[in-house]
Amino acid sequence: MSKEIVGVLLLALAGFLAGGVYSTWKNSRALAGFLLVATLLALGGAIAWIVG
């Protein structure tokens, strides 16, 4: 897989997880917090993958 495809897939995963944070915030703050951490990791990984 090319470098750009992996970066785009990680960005898509971060967007999907961010939607999960938004939708679970009212019901379960603990799950939303976990999803937020996962979102930030995916976003950071995408940035590091594309830049590096």
N, C-alpha and C. Protein backbone atom coordinates (compact mmCIF):
# COMPACT_ATOMS: atom_id res chain seq x y z
N MET A 1 0.85 -1.18 0.00
CA MET A 1 0.00 0.00 0.00
C MET A 1 0.89 1.24 0.00
N SER A 2 0.46 2.23 -0.73
CA SER A 2 1.27 3.43 -0.77
C SER A 2 1.10 4.24 0.52
N LYS A 3 2.04 5.12 0.71
CA LYS A 3 2.07 5.94 1.93
C LYS A 3 0.82 6.80 2.07
N GLU A 4 0.36 7.35 0.97
CA GLU A 4 -0.80 8.24 1.02
C GLU A 4 -2.09 7.49 1.35
N ILE A 5 -2.23 6.28 0.84
CA ILE A 5 -3.45 5.51 1.10
C ILE A 5 -3.58 5.18 2.58
N VAL A 6 -2.47 4.79 3.20
CA VAL A 6 -2.50 4.48 4.63
C VAL A 6 -2.85 5.73 5.43
N GLY A 7 -2.29 6.87 5.06
CA GLY A 7 -2.60 8.12 5.74
C GLY A 7 -4.07 8.50 5.62
N VAL A 8 -4.61 8.33 4.44
CA VAL A 8 -6.03 8.65 4.22
C VAL A 8 -6.92 7.69 5.00
N LEU A 9 -6.55 6.42 5.04
CA LEU A 9 -7.33 5.45 5.82
C LEU A 9 -7.29 5.76 7.31
N LEU A 10 -6.15 6.18 7.81
CA LEU A 10 -6.07 6.57 9.21
C LEU A 10 -6.90 7.83 9.49
N LEU A 11 -6.91 8.76 8.55
CA LEU A 11 -7.75 9.95 8.72
C LEU A 11 -9.23 9.58 8.70
N ALA A 12 -9.59 8.65 7.84
CA ALA A 12 -10.99 8.19 7.79
C ALA A 12 -11.36 7.50 9.10
N LEU A 13 -10.46 6.70 9.64
CA LEU A 13 -10.71 6.05 10.93
C LEU A 13 -10.87 7.08 12.03
N ALA A 14 -10.05 8.13 12.01
CA ALA A 14 -10.17 9.19 13.02
C ALA A 14 -11.52 9.89 12.90
N GLY A 15 -11.98 10.12 11.69
CA GLY A 15 -13.30 10.75 11.50
C GLY A 15 -14.42 9.86 11.99
N PHE A 16 -14.32 8.57 11.71
CA PHE A 16 -15.32 7.60 12.17
C PHE A 16 -15.36 7.56 13.70
N LEU A 17 -14.19 7.55 14.32
CA LEU A 17 -14.14 7.54 15.78
C LEU A 17 -14.64 8.84 16.38
N ALA A 18 -14.37 9.96 15.72
CA ALA A 18 -14.87 11.25 16.20
C ALA A 18 -16.40 11.27 16.17
N GLY A 19 -16.99 10.66 15.17
CA GLY A 19 -18.45 10.54 15.13
C GLY A 19 -18.96 9.69 16.28
N GLY A 20 -18.22 8.68 16.64
CA GLY A 20 -18.58 7.86 17.80
C GLY A 20 -18.51 8.65 19.09
N VAL A 21 -17.52 9.50 19.21
CA VAL A 21 -17.42 10.36 20.40
C VAL A 21 -18.64 11.26 20.48
N TYR A 22 -18.99 11.85 19.38
CA TYR A 22 -20.13 12.77 19.34
C TYR A 22 -21.43 12.07 19.71
N SER A 23 -21.61 10.86 19.19
CA SER A 23 -22.88 10.18 19.40
C SER A 23 -23.00 9.53 20.78
N THR A 24 -21.87 9.21 21.42
CA THR A 24 -21.95 8.56 22.73
C THR A 24 -21.74 9.51 23.90
N TRP A 25 -21.49 10.77 23.65
CA TRP A 25 -21.14 11.70 24.74
C TRP A 25 -22.25 11.80 25.79
N LYS A 26 -23.52 11.87 25.38
CA LYS A 26 -24.61 12.03 26.34
C LYS A 26 -24.87 10.75 27.13
N ASN A 27 -24.66 9.59 26.53
CA ASN A 27 -25.02 8.33 27.18
C ASN A 27 -23.90 7.77 28.05
N SER A 28 -22.69 7.78 27.55
CA SER A 28 -21.59 7.15 28.27
C SER A 28 -20.33 7.98 28.10
N ARG A 29 -20.05 8.77 29.10
CA ARG A 29 -18.86 9.64 29.03
C ARG A 29 -17.57 8.83 29.05
N ALA A 30 -17.57 7.68 29.75
CA ALA A 30 -16.36 6.86 29.81
C ALA A 30 -16.03 6.30 28.42
N LEU A 31 -17.03 5.78 27.73
CA LEU A 31 -16.82 5.25 26.38
C LEU A 31 -16.43 6.38 25.44
N ALA A 32 -17.04 7.54 25.59
CA ALA A 32 -16.69 8.67 24.74
C ALA A 32 -15.25 9.10 24.98
N GLY A 33 -14.81 9.04 26.22
CA GLY A 33 -13.41 9.37 26.52
C GLY A 33 -12.45 8.38 25.89
N PHE A 34 -12.79 7.10 25.95
CA PHE A 34 -11.96 6.08 25.30
C PHE A 34 -11.91 6.30 23.79
N LEU A 35 -13.07 6.59 23.20
CA LEU A 35 -13.10 6.84 21.77
C LEU A 35 -12.33 8.10 21.39
N LEU A 36 -12.35 9.10 22.27
CA LEU A 36 -11.59 10.32 22.02
C LEU A 36 -10.09 10.03 22.00
N VAL A 37 -9.63 9.21 22.93
CA VAL A 37 -8.21 8.83 22.95
C VAL A 37 -7.86 8.08 21.67
N ALA A 38 -8.73 7.15 21.27
CA ALA A 38 -8.48 6.41 20.04
C ALA A 38 -8.49 7.34 18.82
N THR A 39 -9.37 8.33 18.82
CA THR A 39 -9.41 9.30 17.73
C THR A 39 -8.10 10.08 17.64
N LEU A 40 -7.63 10.53 18.78
CA LEU A 40 -6.39 11.31 18.79
C LEU A 40 -5.19 10.46 18.37
N LEU A 41 -5.18 9.19 18.77
CA LEU A 41 -4.10 8.30 18.34
C LEU A 41 -4.14 8.08 16.83
N ALA A 42 -5.32 7.86 16.28
CA ALA A 42 -5.45 7.66 14.83
C ALA A 42 -5.05 8.92 14.07
N LEU A 43 -5.46 10.06 14.57
CA LEU A 43 -5.13 11.32 13.92
C LEU A 43 -3.62 11.58 13.98
N GLY A 44 -3.04 11.36 15.15
CA GLY A 44 -1.58 11.53 15.28
C GLY A 44 -0.82 10.55 14.42
N GLY A 45 -1.31 9.31 14.35
CA GLY A 45 -0.66 8.33 13.49
C GLY A 45 -0.75 8.70 12.03
N ALA A 46 -1.88 9.24 11.62
CA ALA A 46 -2.04 9.67 10.22
C ALA A 46 -1.08 10.80 9.89
N ILE A 47 -0.99 11.75 10.78
CA ILE A 47 -0.08 12.88 10.54
C ILE A 47 1.37 12.40 10.50
N ALA A 48 1.74 11.55 11.46
CA ALA A 48 3.11 11.03 11.49
C ALA A 48 3.40 10.18 10.25
N TRP A 49 2.42 9.42 9.80
CA TRP A 49 2.63 8.55 8.64
C TRP A 49 2.81 9.37 7.37
N ILE A 50 2.02 10.43 7.21
CA ILE A 50 2.10 11.24 6.01
C ILE A 50 3.38 12.09 6.01
N VAL A 51 3.71 12.68 7.15
CA VAL A 51 4.88 13.56 7.23
C VAL A 51 6.18 12.74 7.19
N GLY A 52 6.17 11.61 7.90
CA GLY A 52 7.41 10.82 8.05
C GLY A 52 7.82 10.00 6.93
